[in-house]
Amino acid sequence: MLRKRVLVFAALVLSRFWLPAQDWKAVIREWELPSPNSRPHDPEVAPDGALWYTALLANRLGRLDPETGAIKEFPLTTPGSGPDGLAADKEGNLWFTASSRAYIGKLDPATGGVTEYPMPDPRARDPHSLAFDRRGRIFFTAQNSNLVGRLDPKNGKVTLKAVPTPHALPDGILVGPDEAAYFCEFGSNRIGRIDPETLDVKEYVLPAGSRPRRLANNPEGSIYYTDFGRGFIGRLDPQSGRVEEWRSPGGPSSRPYAMASLSDGTVWYSESGIDPNTLVVFNPRTKSFQTWPIPSGGGVIRHMVATPDGRLYLACSGGNKVAVVEVNRVPDNKVMHAP
């Protein structure tokens, strides 16, 4: 009897320290888009809480009301624009990159009208991702053109800058804690920093073989990235240049892609190399992961955004769906943490 009690006690102790933490509950709701095979690329959260998306192959932007499920799509003026990146301004206008027609566009949801800002250089043929800074300026990447740029909506001026590394394939972009713009160099193992005034580019070197795809700010002041090539996520300290990395649960072929961070510091991302795609959360405090399958399979989730109230908006590109993820923390008395 004593021996049995000792074994039971030992099992409880081991479970307390070695069972993986299950800190989060994620409920994923998906909506089929009205335009078939539209290849939704980027989601965005509007000031009113609506989920907007770019329908890359349907030449439209779309709006989902997450409360009612109602979807409305807005056709673009120029055929074959290839809307890709997406960002909302404070007034609720939707700005997008026309990756196939070399312009950045602004959609006014009230009228459906589109204003186009063409690239001033024929080399800049494929604007890709974009992000606003606090002054309302737009920073963007042009992937195969190997350029980055800035658009000032006040006067429509577009300024371009070449990336120092050849064939860098500038991809995901954000404005960092120091108000500089940071972008992934998907064709190399680097993250670039754009000086917001001069547009000079400084490059941070990542571990050999890295292929960064998307970025996320973190409340601690660091920048996280998905390493699509090696199956890792990483953390860059913009001040010191120090890099830390962790292998994604799906392993070397998991192809981490879309990424966002919540206000509590947790980092959420997708594994696009796994079928079905997975939604993964990384807790920087405990260095632990938790994973959920995407109900429809995902079909490569290329981008996600966090809402002010702690939800996630996803674009399930190959599945022709968009999704909303409701995130809740499991009560502490129901969680067993790893050491």
C-alpha atoms as a PDB file:
ATOM      1  CA  MET A   1       0.000   0.000   0.000  1.00  0.00           C
ATOM      2  CA  LEU A   2       2.804   2.405   0.897  1.00  0.00           C
ATOM      3  CA  ARG A   3       4.586   1.614  -2.351  1.00  0.00           C
ATOM      4  CA  LYS A   4       1.386   2.320  -4.308  1.00  0.00           C
ATOM      5  CA  ARG A   5       0.931   5.683  -2.576  1.00  0.00           C
ATOM      6  CA  VAL A   6       4.531   6.614  -3.348  1.00  0.00           C
ATOM      7  CA  LEU A   7       4.025   5.766  -7.028  1.00  0.00           C
ATOM      8  CA  VAL A   8       0.807   7.788  -7.213  1.00  0.00           C
ATOM      9  CA  PHE A   9       2.490  10.768  -5.537  1.00  0.00           C
ATOM     10  CA  ALA A  10       5.447  10.508  -7.934  1.00  0.00           C
ATOM     11  CA  ALA A  11       3.088  10.462 -10.925  1.00  0.00           C
ATOM     12  CA  LEU A  12       1.343  13.586  -9.690  1.00  0.00           C
ATOM     13  CA  VAL A  13       4.645  15.384  -9.211  1.00  0.00           C
ATOM     14  CA  LEU A  14       5.854  14.399 -12.683  1.00  0.00           C
ATOM     15  CA  SER A  15       2.593  15.510 -14.277  1.00  0.00           C
ATOM     16  CA  ARG A  16       2.882  18.845 -12.504  1.00  0.00           C
ATOM     17  CA  PHE A  17       6.268  19.506 -14.053  1.00  0.00           C
ATOM     18  CA  TRP A  18       6.265  17.641 -17.369  1.00  0.00           C
ATOM     19  CA  LEU A  19       2.803  17.772 -18.887  1.00  0.00           C
ATOM     20  CA  PRO A  20       2.625  20.483 -21.589  1.00  0.00           C
ATOM     21  CA  ALA A  21       0.839  23.670 -20.571  1.00  0.00           C
ATOM     22  CA  GLN A  22      -2.669  24.097 -21.968  1.00  0.00           C
ATOM     23  CA  ASP A  23      -3.143  27.744 -21.119  1.00  0.00           C
ATOM     24  CA  TRP A  24      -5.453  28.794 -23.945  1.00  0.00           C
ATOM     25  CA  LYS A  25      -8.751  27.970 -25.555  1.00  0.00           C
ATOM     26  CA  ALA A  26      -9.189  29.073 -29.176  1.00  0.00           C
ATOM     27  CA  VAL A  27     -12.523  28.865 -31.012  1.00  0.00           C
ATOM     28  CA  ILE A  28     -12.183  29.290 -34.782  1.00  0.00           C
ATOM     29  CA  ARG A  29     -15.190  30.417 -36.867  1.00  0.00           C
ATOM     30  CA  GLU A  30     -14.946  30.501 -40.662  1.00  0.00           C
ATOM     31  CA  TRP A  31     -17.014  32.092 -43.450  1.00  0.00           C
ATOM     32  CA  GLU A  32     -17.066  31.092 -47.122  1.00  0.00           C
ATOM     33  CA  LEU A  33     -16.508  34.078 -49.434  1.00  0.00           C
ATOM     34  CA  PRO A  34     -19.076  34.923 -52.137  1.00  0.00           C
ATOM     35  CA  SER A  35     -16.550  35.098 -55.005  1.00  0.00           C
ATOM     36  CA  PRO A  36     -15.291  31.574 -55.785  1.00  0.00           C
ATOM     37  CA  ASN A  37     -11.549  30.893 -55.792  1.00  0.00           C
ATOM     38  CA  SER A  38     -10.858  34.502 -54.821  1.00  0.00           C
ATOM     39  CA  ARG A  39      -7.655  33.629 -52.931  1.00  0.00           C
ATOM     40  CA  PRO A  40      -8.072  35.958 -49.897  1.00  0.00           C
ATOM     41  CA  HIS A  41      -4.632  37.188 -48.932  1.00  0.00           C
ATOM     42  CA  ASP A  42      -4.622  39.807 -46.151  1.00  0.00           C
ATOM     43  CA  PRO A  43      -7.242  40.437 -43.449  1.00  0.00           C
ATOM     44  CA  GLU A  44      -7.518  43.733 -41.586  1.00  0.00           C
ATOM     45  CA  VAL A  45      -9.542  45.071 -38.681  1.00  0.00           C
ATOM     46  CA  ALA A  46     -11.410  48.312 -39.416  1.00  0.00           C
ATOM     47  CA  PRO A  47     -12.125  50.990 -36.777  1.00  0.00           C
ATOM     48  CA  ASP A  48     -15.687  49.651 -36.475  1.00  0.00           C
ATOM     49  CA  GLY A  49     -14.433  46.100 -35.810  1.00  0.00           C
ATOM     50  CA  ALA A  50     -15.299  44.679 -39.239  1.00  0.00           C
ATOM     51  CA  LEU A  51     -13.007  42.136 -40.878  1.00  0.00           C
ATOM     52  CA  TRP A  52     -11.795  43.345 -44.285  1.00  0.00           C
ATOM     53  CA  TYR A  53      -9.851  41.217 -46.750  1.00  0.00           C
ATOM     54  CA  THR A  54      -8.169  41.394 -50.134  1.00  0.00           C
ATOM     55  CA  ALA A  55      -9.583  38.977 -52.720  1.00  0.00           C
ATOM     56  CA  LEU A  56      -6.440  38.597 -54.808  1.00  0.00           C
ATOM     57  CA  LEU A  57      -7.877  36.732 -57.810  1.00  0.00           C
ATOM     58  CA  ALA A  58     -11.371  38.252 -57.705  1.00  0.00           C
ATOM     59  CA  ASN A  59     -10.058  41.856 -57.957  1.00  0.00           C
ATOM     60  CA  ARG A  60     -12.107  42.916 -54.941  1.00  0.00           C
ATOM     61  CA  LEU A  61     -11.940  43.974 -51.337  1.00  0.00           C
ATOM     62  CA  GLY A  62     -14.447  42.440 -48.950  1.00  0.00           C
ATOM     63  CA  ARG A  63     -16.010  43.269 -45.608  1.00  0.00           C
ATOM     64  CA  LEU A  64     -17.315  40.734 -43.074  1.00  0.00           C
ATOM     65  CA  ASP A  65     -19.460  41.728 -40.126  1.00  0.00           C
ATOM     66  CA  PRO A  66     -18.374  39.125 -37.509  1.00  0.00           C
ATOM     67  CA  GLU A  67     -21.565  39.638 -35.509  1.00  0.00           C
ATOM     68  CA  THR A  68     -24.043  38.938 -38.316  1.00  0.00           C
ATOM     69  CA  GLY A  69     -21.885  37.066 -40.826  1.00  0.00           C
ATOM     70  CA  ALA A  70     -22.917  39.508 -43.579  1.00  0.00           C
ATOM     71  CA  ILE A  71     -20.312  39.918 -46.337  1.00  0.00           C
ATOM     72  CA  LYS A  72     -20.131  42.737 -48.881  1.00  0.00           C
ATOM     73  CA  GLU A  73     -17.532  42.897 -51.649  1.00  0.00           C
ATOM     74  CA  PHE A  74     -16.235  45.987 -53.456  1.00  0.00           C
ATOM     75  CA  PRO A  75     -14.919  45.632 -57.038  1.00  0.00           C
ATOM     76  CA  LEU A  76     -11.770  47.560 -57.921  1.00  0.00           C
ATOM     77  CA  THR A  77     -11.564  50.023 -60.788  1.00  0.00           C
ATOM     78  CA  THR A  78      -8.584  48.582 -62.665  1.00  0.00           C
ATOM     79  CA  PRO A  79      -9.029  44.989 -63.904  1.00  0.00           C
ATOM     80  CA  GLY A  80      -6.482  42.468 -62.702  1.00  0.00           C
ATOM     81  CA  SER A  81      -5.102  44.668 -59.914  1.00  0.00           C
ATOM     82  CA  GLY A  82      -4.194  41.696 -57.739  1.00  0.00           C
ATOM     83  CA  PRO A  83      -5.006  43.244 -54.333  1.00  0.00           C
ATOM     84  CA  ASP A  84      -2.552  41.820 -51.833  1.00  0.00           C
ATOM     85  CA  GLY A  85      -1.563  43.788 -48.704  1.00  0.00           C
ATOM     86  CA  LEU A  86      -4.210  45.658 -46.707  1.00  0.00           C
ATOM     87  CA  ALA A  87      -4.291  48.336 -43.991  1.00  0.00           C
ATOM     88  CA  ALA A  88      -7.043  50.583 -42.608  1.00  0.00           C
ATOM     89  CA  ASP A  89      -6.530  54.231 -41.726  1.00  0.00           C
ATOM     90  CA  LYS A  90      -8.132  56.031 -38.787  1.00  0.00           C
ATOM     91  CA  GLU A  91     -11.007  57.278 -40.939  1.00  0.00           C
ATOM     92  CA  GLY A  92     -11.919  53.753 -42.004  1.00  0.00           C
ATOM     93  CA  ASN A  93     -10.532  53.893 -45.551  1.00  0.00           C
ATOM     94  CA  LEU A  94      -8.910  50.672 -46.768  1.00  0.00           C
ATOM     95  CA  TRP A  95      -5.484  50.915 -48.402  1.00  0.00           C
ATOM     96  CA  PHE A  96      -4.219  48.022 -50.497  1.00  0.00           C
ATOM     97  CA  THR A  97      -1.300  47.064 -52.709  1.00  0.00           C
ATOM     98  CA  ALA A  98      -2.101  46.259 -56.328  1.00  0.00           C
ATOM     99  CA  SER A  99       0.564  43.627 -56.818  1.00  0.00           C
ATOM    100  CA  SER A 100      -0.225  43.085 -60.517  1.00  0.00           C
ATOM    101  CA  ARG A 101      -0.792  46.709 -61.587  1.00  0.00           C
ATOM    102  CA  ALA A 102       1.948  48.625 -59.760  1.00  0.00           C
ATOM    103  CA  TYR A 103      -0.098  50.972 -57.598  1.00  0.00           C
ATOM    104  CA  ILE A 104      -1.321  51.466 -54.049  1.00  0.00           C
ATOM    105  CA  GLY A 105      -5.055  52.023 -53.777  1.00  0.00           C
ATOM    106  CA  LYS A 106      -7.460  53.578 -51.295  1.00  0.00           C
ATOM    107  CA  LEU A 107     -11.039  52.336 -51.049  1.00  0.00           C
ATOM    108  CA  ASP A 108     -13.688  54.589 -49.507  1.00  0.00           C
ATOM    109  CA  PRO A 109     -16.240  52.124 -48.053  1.00  0.00           C
ATOM    110  CA  ALA A 110     -18.967  54.754 -47.989  1.00  0.00           C
ATOM    111  CA  THR A 111     -18.921  55.285 -51.758  1.00  0.00           C
ATOM    112  CA  GLY A 112     -16.986  52.301 -53.105  1.00  0.00           C
ATOM    113  CA  GLY A 113     -14.709  54.760 -54.864  1.00  0.00           C
ATOM    114  CA  VAL A 114     -11.051  53.851 -55.387  1.00  0.00           C
ATOM    115  CA  THR A 115      -8.133  56.278 -55.585  1.00  0.00           C
ATOM    116  CA  GLU A 116      -4.930  54.944 -57.156  1.00  0.00           C
ATOM    117  CA  TYR A 117      -1.361  56.018 -56.395  1.00  0.00           C
ATOM    118  CA  PRO A 118       0.896  54.621 -59.155  1.00  0.00           C
ATOM    119  CA  MET A 119       4.516  53.691 -58.591  1.00  0.00           C
ATOM    120  CA  PRO A 120       6.832  56.423 -59.966  1.00  0.00           C
ATOM    121  CA  ASP A 121       9.411  53.943 -61.279  1.00  0.00           C
ATOM    122  CA  PRO A 122       8.679  51.088 -63.725  1.00  0.00           C
ATOM    123  CA  ARG A 123      10.953  48.833 -61.682  1.00  0.00           C
ATOM    124  CA  ALA A 124       8.449  48.929 -58.823  1.00  0.00           C
ATOM    125  CA  ARG A 125       6.015  46.587 -60.523  1.00  0.00           C
ATOM    126  CA  ASP A 126       4.664  44.578 -57.585  1.00  0.00           C
ATOM    127  CA  PRO A 127       3.915  46.378 -54.298  1.00  0.00           C
ATOM    128  CA  HIS A 128       3.281  43.647 -51.758  1.00  0.00           C
ATOM    129  CA  SER A 129       2.745  44.480 -48.045  1.00  0.00           C
ATOM    130  CA  LEU A 130       2.112  47.810 -46.311  1.00  0.00           C
ATOM    131  CA  ALA A 131       1.864  49.381 -42.862  1.00  0.00           C
ATOM    132  CA  PHE A 132       0.981  52.793 -41.402  1.00  0.00           C
ATOM    133  CA  ASP A 133       3.178  54.760 -39.028  1.00  0.00           C
ATOM    134  CA  ARG A 134       1.797  57.101 -36.355  1.00  0.00           C
ATOM    135  CA  ARG A 135       2.009  60.079 -38.716  1.00  0.00           C
ATOM    136  CA  GLY A 136      -0.251  58.365 -41.235  1.00  0.00           C
ATOM    137  CA  ARG A 137       2.471  57.562 -43.757  1.00  0.00           C
ATOM    138  CA  ILE A 138       2.480  54.197 -45.511  1.00  0.00           C
ATOM    139  CA  PHE A 139       5.601  52.034 -45.742  1.00  0.00           C
ATOM    140  CA  PHE A 140       5.550  49.150 -48.193  1.00  0.00           C
ATOM    141  CA  THR A 141       7.544  46.395 -49.868  1.00  0.00           C
ATOM    142  CA  ALA A 142       7.765  45.546 -53.563  1.00  0.00           C
ATOM    143  CA  GLN A 143       8.756  41.914 -53.533  1.00  0.00           C
ATOM    144  CA  ASN A 144      10.233  40.857 -56.877  1.00  0.00           C
ATOM    145  CA  SER A 145      11.271  44.447 -57.582  1.00  0.00           C
ATOM    146  CA  ASN A 146      13.562  44.287 -54.510  1.00  0.00           C
ATOM    147  CA  LEU A 147      12.393  47.717 -53.392  1.00  0.00           C
ATOM    148  CA  VAL A 148      10.825  49.304 -50.325  1.00  0.00           C
ATOM    149  CA  GLY A 149       8.966  52.582 -50.276  1.00  0.00           C
ATOM    150  CA  ARG A 150       6.936  55.244 -48.521  1.00  0.00           C
ATOM    151  CA  LEU A 151       3.659  56.859 -49.564  1.00  0.00           C
ATOM    152  CA  ASP A 152       2.502  60.103 -47.976  1.00  0.00           C
ATOM    153  CA  PRO A 153      -1.309  60.189 -48.323  1.00  0.00           C
ATOM    154  CA  LYS A 154      -1.306  63.954 -47.687  1.00  0.00           C
ATOM    155  CA  ASN A 155       0.326  64.723 -51.026  1.00  0.00           C
ATOM    156  CA  GLY A 156       0.390  61.351 -52.811  1.00  0.00           C
ATOM    157  CA  LYS A 157       4.176  61.322 -53.070  1.00  0.00           C
ATOM    158  CA  VAL A 158       5.797  57.899 -53.393  1.00  0.00           C
ATOM    159  CA  THR A 159       9.491  57.472 -52.565  1.00  0.00           C
ATOM    160  CA  LEU A 160      11.380  54.259 -53.338  1.00  0.00           C
ATOM    161  CA  LYS A 161      14.606  52.695 -52.076  1.00  0.00           C
ATOM    162  CA  ALA A 162      16.500  49.616 -53.246  1.00  0.00           C
ATOM    163  CA  VAL A 163      17.189  46.846 -50.727  1.00  0.00           C
ATOM    164  CA  PRO A 164      20.980  46.363 -50.323  1.00  0.00           C
ATOM    165  CA  THR A 165      20.877  42.562 -50.601  1.00  0.00           C
ATOM    166  CA  PRO A 166      20.196  41.386 -54.179  1.00  0.00           C
ATOM    167  CA  HIS A 167      17.095  39.234 -54.700  1.00  0.00           C
ATOM    168  CA  ALA A 168      16.052  39.810 -51.081  1.00  0.00           C
ATOM    169  CA  LEU A 169      12.323  39.444 -51.920  1.00  0.00           C
ATOM    170  CA  PRO A 170      11.059  41.991 -49.351  1.00  0.00           C
ATOM    171  CA  ASP A 171       7.850  40.576 -47.904  1.00  0.00           C
ATOM    172  CA  GLY A 172       5.960  41.250 -44.634  1.00  0.00           C
ATOM    173  CA  ILE A 173       6.364  44.690 -43.052  1.00  0.00           C
ATOM    174  CA  LEU A 174       5.432  46.527 -39.853  1.00  0.00           C
ATOM    175  CA  VAL A 175       6.302  49.732 -38.022  1.00  0.00           C
ATOM    176  CA  GLY A 176       8.397  48.868 -34.982  1.00  0.00           C
ATOM    177  CA  PRO A 177       8.596  50.292 -31.473  1.00  0.00           C
ATOM    178  CA  ASP A 178      11.111  52.933 -32.598  1.00  0.00           C
ATOM    179  CA  GLU A 179       8.814  54.142 -35.432  1.00  0.00           C
ATOM    180  CA  ALA A 180      11.112  52.668 -38.083  1.00  0.00           C
ATOM    181  CA  ALA A 181       9.646  50.192 -40.555  1.00  0.00           C
ATOM    182  CA  TYR A 182      10.917  46.593 -40.408  1.00  0.00           C
ATOM    183  CA  PHE A 183      10.483  44.067 -43.200  1.00  0.00           C
ATOM    184  CA  CYS A 184      11.252  40.438 -43.964  1.00  0.00           C
ATOM    185  CA  GLU A 185      13.769  39.559 -46.644  1.00  0.00           C
ATOM    186  CA  PHE A 186      12.211  36.294 -47.730  1.00  0.00           C
ATOM    187  CA  GLY A 187      14.957  35.656 -50.280  1.00  0.00           C
ATOM    188  CA  SER A 188      17.715  35.905 -47.682  1.00  0.00           C
ATOM    189  CA  ASN A 189      18.327  35.393 -43.968  1.00  0.00           C
ATOM    190  CA  ARG A 190      17.787  39.034 -43.054  1.00  0.00           C
ATOM    191  CA  ILE A 191      15.318  41.477 -41.576  1.00  0.00           C
ATOM    192  CA  GLY A 192      15.579  45.028 -42.864  1.00  0.00           C
ATOM    193  CA  ARG A 193      15.015  48.298 -41.013  1.00  0.00           C
ATOM    194  CA  ILE A 194      13.871  51.361 -42.978  1.00  0.00           C
ATOM    195  CA  ASP A 195      14.797  54.768 -41.585  1.00  0.00           C
ATOM    196  CA  PRO A 196      11.435  56.584 -41.654  1.00  0.00           C
ATOM    197  CA  GLU A 197      12.953  59.836 -42.958  1.00  0.00           C
ATOM    198  CA  THR A 198      15.860  58.863 -45.234  1.00  0.00           C
ATOM    199  CA  LEU A 199      14.585  55.379 -46.186  1.00  0.00           C
ATOM    200  CA  ASP A 200      18.107  54.045 -45.654  1.00  0.00           C
ATOM    201  CA  VAL A 201      18.016  50.301 -44.999  1.00  0.00           C
ATOM    202  CA  LYS A 202      19.893  48.570 -42.185  1.00  0.00           C
ATOM    203  CA  GLU A 203      19.937  44.773 -42.208  1.00  0.00           C
ATOM    204  CA  TYR A 204      19.909  42.316 -39.296  1.00  0.00           C
ATOM    205  CA  VAL A 205      21.404  38.920 -40.117  1.00  0.00           C
ATOM    206  CA  LEU A 206      19.454  35.862 -38.921  1.00  0.00           C
ATOM    207  CA  PRO A 207      20.756  32.277 -38.553  1.00  0.00           C
ATOM    208  CA  ALA A 208      21.938  30.671 -41.788  1.00  0.00           C
ATOM    209  CA  GLY A 209      19.119  29.268 -43.896  1.00  0.00           C
ATOM    210  CA  SER A 210      16.403  31.445 -42.319  1.00  0.00           C
ATOM    211  CA  ARG A 211      13.668  32.712 -44.614  1.00  0.00           C
ATOM    212  CA  PRO A 212      11.583  35.239 -42.643  1.00  0.00           C
ATOM    213  CA  ARG A 213       8.030  35.716 -43.903  1.00  0.00           C
ATOM    214  CA  ARG A 214       5.947  37.758 -41.428  1.00  0.00           C
ATOM    215  CA  LEU A 215       6.583  39.972 -38.400  1.00  0.00           C
ATOM    216  CA  ALA A 216       4.757  40.894 -35.189  1.00  0.00           C
ATOM    217  CA  ASN A 217       5.433  43.596 -32.626  1.00  0.00           C
ATOM    218  CA  ASN A 218       5.482  42.491 -29.006  1.00  0.00           C
ATOM    219  CA  PRO A 219       4.632  44.627 -25.951  1.00  0.00           C
ATOM    220  CA  GLU A 220       8.112  43.978 -24.559  1.00  0.00           C
ATOM    221  CA  GLY A 221       9.606  45.989 -27.424  1.00  0.00           C
ATOM    222  CA  SER A 222      10.910  43.083 -29.483  1.00  0.00           C
ATOM    223  CA  ILE A 223       9.890  41.890 -32.948  1.00  0.00           C
ATOM    224  CA  TYR A 224       8.960  38.262 -33.631  1.00  0.00           C
ATOM    225  CA  TYR A 225       9.202  36.633 -37.047  1.00  0.00           C
ATOM    226  CA  THR A 226       8.193  33.393 -38.743  1.00  0.00           C
ATOM    227  CA  ASP A 227      11.013  31.439 -40.383  1.00  0.00           C
ATOM    228  CA  PHE A 228       9.245  29.806 -43.318  1.00  0.00           C
ATOM    229  CA  GLY A 229      12.352  28.000 -44.534  1.00  0.00           C
ATOM    230  CA  ARG A 230      13.528  26.210 -41.394  1.00  0.00           C
ATOM    231  CA  GLY A 231      10.379  25.760 -39.307  1.00  0.00           C
ATOM    232  CA  PHE A 232      11.249  28.194 -36.514  1.00  0.00           C
ATOM    233  CA  ILE A 233       9.908  31.351 -34.974  1.00  0.00           C
ATOM    234  CA  GLY A 234      12.378  33.954 -33.817  1.00  0.00           C
ATOM    235  CA  ARG A 235      12.705  37.075 -31.718  1.00  0.00           C
ATOM    236  CA  LEU A 236      14.743  40.118 -32.772  1.00  0.00           C
ATOM    237  CA  ASP A 237      15.806  42.806 -30.309  1.00  0.00           C
ATOM    238  CA  PRO A 238      15.924  45.897 -32.552  1.00  0.00           C
ATOM    239  CA  GLN A 239      18.284  47.745 -30.208  1.00  0.00           C
ATOM    240  CA  SER A 240      20.975  45.107 -29.778  1.00  0.00           C
ATOM    241  CA  GLY A 241      20.326  43.020 -32.888  1.00  0.00           C
ATOM    242  CA  ARG A 242      20.241  39.889 -30.704  1.00  0.00           C
ATOM    243  CA  VAL A 243      18.225  36.990 -32.110  1.00  0.00           C
ATOM    244  CA  GLU A 244      16.633  34.054 -30.278  1.00  0.00           C
ATOM    245  CA  GLU A 245      14.710  31.277 -31.985  1.00  0.00           C
ATOM    246  CA  TRP A 246      12.511  28.274 -31.189  1.00  0.00           C
ATOM    247  CA  ARG A 247      11.552  25.317 -33.358  1.00  0.00           C
ATOM    248  CA  SER A 248       7.874  25.285 -34.287  1.00  0.00           C
ATOM    249  CA  PRO A 249       5.895  22.246 -33.047  1.00  0.00           C
ATOM    250  CA  GLY A 250       5.312  21.019 -36.598  1.00  0.00           C
ATOM    251  CA  GLY A 251       9.033  20.658 -37.249  1.00  0.00           C
ATOM    252  CA  PRO A 252      11.327  21.620 -40.150  1.00  0.00           C
ATOM    253  CA  SER A 253       8.605  21.355 -42.810  1.00  0.00           C
ATOM    254  CA  SER A 254       5.924  23.277 -40.899  1.00  0.00           C
ATOM    255  CA  ARG A 255       6.486  26.519 -42.865  1.00  0.00           C
ATOM    256  CA  PRO A 256       5.409  29.116 -40.296  1.00  0.00           C
ATOM    257  CA  TYR A 257       3.750  31.992 -42.117  1.00  0.00           C
ATOM    258  CA  ALA A 258       1.100  34.439 -40.808  1.00  0.00           C
ATOM    259  CA  MET A 259       1.822  36.004 -37.412  1.00  0.00           C
ATOM    260  CA  ALA A 260       0.314  38.405 -34.850  1.00  0.00           C
ATOM    261  CA  SER A 261       0.855  39.264 -31.191  1.00  0.00           C
ATOM    262  CA  LEU A 262      -1.743  40.021 -28.533  1.00  0.00           C
ATOM    263  CA  SER A 263      -1.469  42.701 -25.876  1.00  0.00           C
ATOM    264  CA  ASP A 264      -0.626  40.086 -23.225  1.00  0.00           C
ATOM    265  CA  GLY A 265       2.603  39.274 -25.094  1.00  0.00           C
ATOM    266  CA  THR A 266       1.549  35.916 -26.549  1.00  0.00           C
ATOM    267  CA  VAL A 267       2.604  35.304 -30.148  1.00  0.00           C
ATOM    268  CA  TRP A 268       0.168  33.618 -32.535  1.00  0.00           C
ATOM    269  CA  TYR A 269       1.022  32.230 -35.955  1.00  0.00           C
ATOM    270  CA  SER A 270       0.098  29.606 -38.540  1.00  0.00           C
ATOM    271  CA  GLU A 271       1.950  26.560 -39.809  1.00  0.00           C
ATOM    272  CA  SER A 272       1.231  26.460 -43.544  1.00  0.00           C
ATOM    273  CA  GLY A 273       3.230  23.338 -44.374  1.00  0.00           C
ATOM    274  CA  ILE A 274       0.903  21.085 -42.397  1.00  0.00           C
ATOM    275  CA  ASP A 275      -2.434  19.778 -43.644  1.00  0.00           C
ATOM    276  CA  PRO A 276      -4.629  20.964 -42.108  1.00  0.00           C
ATOM    277  CA  ASN A 277      -2.846  24.226 -41.351  1.00  0.00           C
ATOM    278  CA  THR A 278      -2.476  24.860 -37.656  1.00  0.00           C
ATOM    279  CA  LEU A 279      -2.955  27.880 -35.422  1.00  0.00           C
ATOM    280  CA  VAL A 280      -0.144  28.028 -32.874  1.00  0.00           C
ATOM    281  CA  VAL A 281       0.383  30.182 -29.787  1.00  0.00           C
ATOM    282  CA  PHE A 282       3.826  30.743 -28.272  1.00  0.00           C
ATOM    283  CA  ASN A 283       4.074  31.980 -24.692  1.00  0.00           C
ATOM    284  CA  PRO A 284       7.377  33.914 -24.345  1.00  0.00           C
ATOM    285  CA  ARG A 285       7.178  33.682 -20.558  1.00  0.00           C
ATOM    286  CA  THR A 286       7.094  29.881 -20.383  1.00  0.00           C
ATOM    287  CA  LYS A 287       8.611  29.185 -23.839  1.00  0.00           C
ATOM    288  CA  SER A 288       5.695  26.809 -24.462  1.00  0.00           C
ATOM    289  CA  PHE A 289       3.501  26.172 -27.519  1.00  0.00           C
ATOM    290  CA  GLN A 290      -0.103  25.149 -28.034  1.00  0.00           C
ATOM    291  CA  THR A 291      -1.673  24.122 -31.357  1.00  0.00           C
ATOM    292  CA  TRP A 292      -5.138  23.881 -32.985  1.00  0.00           C
ATOM    293  CA  PRO A 293      -6.078  22.595 -36.471  1.00  0.00           C
ATOM    294  CA  ILE A 294      -7.846  24.994 -38.839  1.00  0.00           C
ATOM    295  CA  PRO A 295     -11.348  23.515 -39.394  1.00  0.00           C
ATOM    296  CA  SER A 296     -11.383  23.958 -43.184  1.00  0.00           C
ATOM    297  CA  GLY A 297      -7.711  23.110 -43.572  1.00  0.00           C
ATOM    298  CA  GLY A 298      -6.674  26.720 -44.142  1.00  0.00           C
ATOM    299  CA  GLY A 299      -5.176  26.258 -47.581  1.00  0.00           C
ATOM    300  CA  VAL A 300      -2.195  28.413 -46.511  1.00  0.00           C
ATOM    301  CA  ILE A 301      -2.953  31.196 -44.051  1.00  0.00           C
ATOM    302  CA  ARG A 302      -0.782  34.017 -45.360  1.00  0.00           C
ATOM    303  CA  HIS A 303      -1.637  36.769 -42.916  1.00  0.00           C
ATOM    304  CA  MET A 304      -3.432  37.392 -39.628  1.00  0.00           C
ATOM    305  CA  VAL A 305      -4.131  40.449 -37.484  1.00  0.00           C
ATOM    306  CA  ALA A 306      -5.003  40.968 -33.824  1.00  0.00           C
ATOM    307  CA  THR A 307      -8.023  43.073 -32.883  1.00  0.00           C
ATOM    308  CA  PRO A 308      -8.042  45.583 -30.002  1.00  0.00           C
ATOM    309  CA  ASP A 309     -10.333  43.275 -28.002  1.00  0.00           C
ATOM    310  CA  GLY A 310      -7.982  40.282 -28.282  1.00  0.00           C
ATOM    311  CA  ARG A 311      -9.373  38.311 -31.208  1.00  0.00           C
ATOM    312  CA  LEU A 312      -7.552  37.194 -34.357  1.00  0.00           C
ATOM    313  CA  TYR A 313      -8.650  37.693 -37.967  1.00  0.00           C
ATOM    314  CA  LEU A 314      -7.335  35.183 -40.529  1.00  0.00           C
ATOM    315  CA  ALA A 315      -7.434  34.818 -44.310  1.00  0.00           C
ATOM    316  CA  CYS A 316      -7.582  31.139 -45.362  1.00  0.00           C
ATOM    317  CA  SER A 317      -6.211  31.684 -48.832  1.00  0.00           C
ATOM    318  CA  GLY A 318      -6.609  28.317 -50.567  1.00  0.00           C
ATOM    319  CA  GLY A 319      -9.853  27.582 -48.727  1.00  0.00           C
ATOM    320  CA  ASN A 320     -11.591  30.770 -49.931  1.00  0.00           C
ATOM    321  CA  LYS A 321     -12.569  31.612 -46.375  1.00  0.00           C
ATOM    322  CA  VAL A 322     -11.893  34.166 -43.682  1.00  0.00           C
ATOM    323  CA  ALA A 323     -11.904  33.337 -39.992  1.00  0.00           C
ATOM    324  CA  VAL A 324     -12.289  34.898 -36.570  1.00  0.00           C
ATOM    325  CA  VAL A 325     -10.536  33.323 -33.598  1.00  0.00           C
ATOM    326  CA  GLU A 326     -11.974  33.889 -30.135  1.00  0.00           C
ATOM    327  CA  VAL A 327      -9.135  33.526 -27.614  1.00  0.00           C
ATOM    328  CA  ASN A 328      -9.661  32.781 -23.918  1.00  0.00           C
ATOM    329  CA  ARG A 329      -7.239  31.900 -21.178  1.00  0.00           C
ATOM    330  CA  VAL A 330      -7.899  28.701 -19.219  1.00  0.00           C
ATOM    331  CA  PRO A 331      -8.299  29.415 -15.469  1.00  0.00           C
ATOM    332  CA  ASP A 332      -5.017  28.924 -13.618  1.00  0.00           C
ATOM    333  CA  ASN A 333      -6.411  26.205 -11.355  1.00  0.00           C
ATOM    334  CA  LYS A 334      -7.058  24.053 -14.442  1.00  0.00           C
ATOM    335  CA  VAL A 335      -3.591  24.416 -15.950  1.00  0.00           C
ATOM    336  CA  MET A 336      -0.515  22.261 -15.457  1.00  0.00           C
ATOM    337  CA  HIS A 337       2.656  24.092 -16.457  1.00  0.00           C
ATOM    338  CA  ALA A 338       5.898  22.749 -17.784  1.00  0.00           C
ATOM    339  CA  PRO A 339       9.004  23.869 -15.862  1.00  0.00           C
END
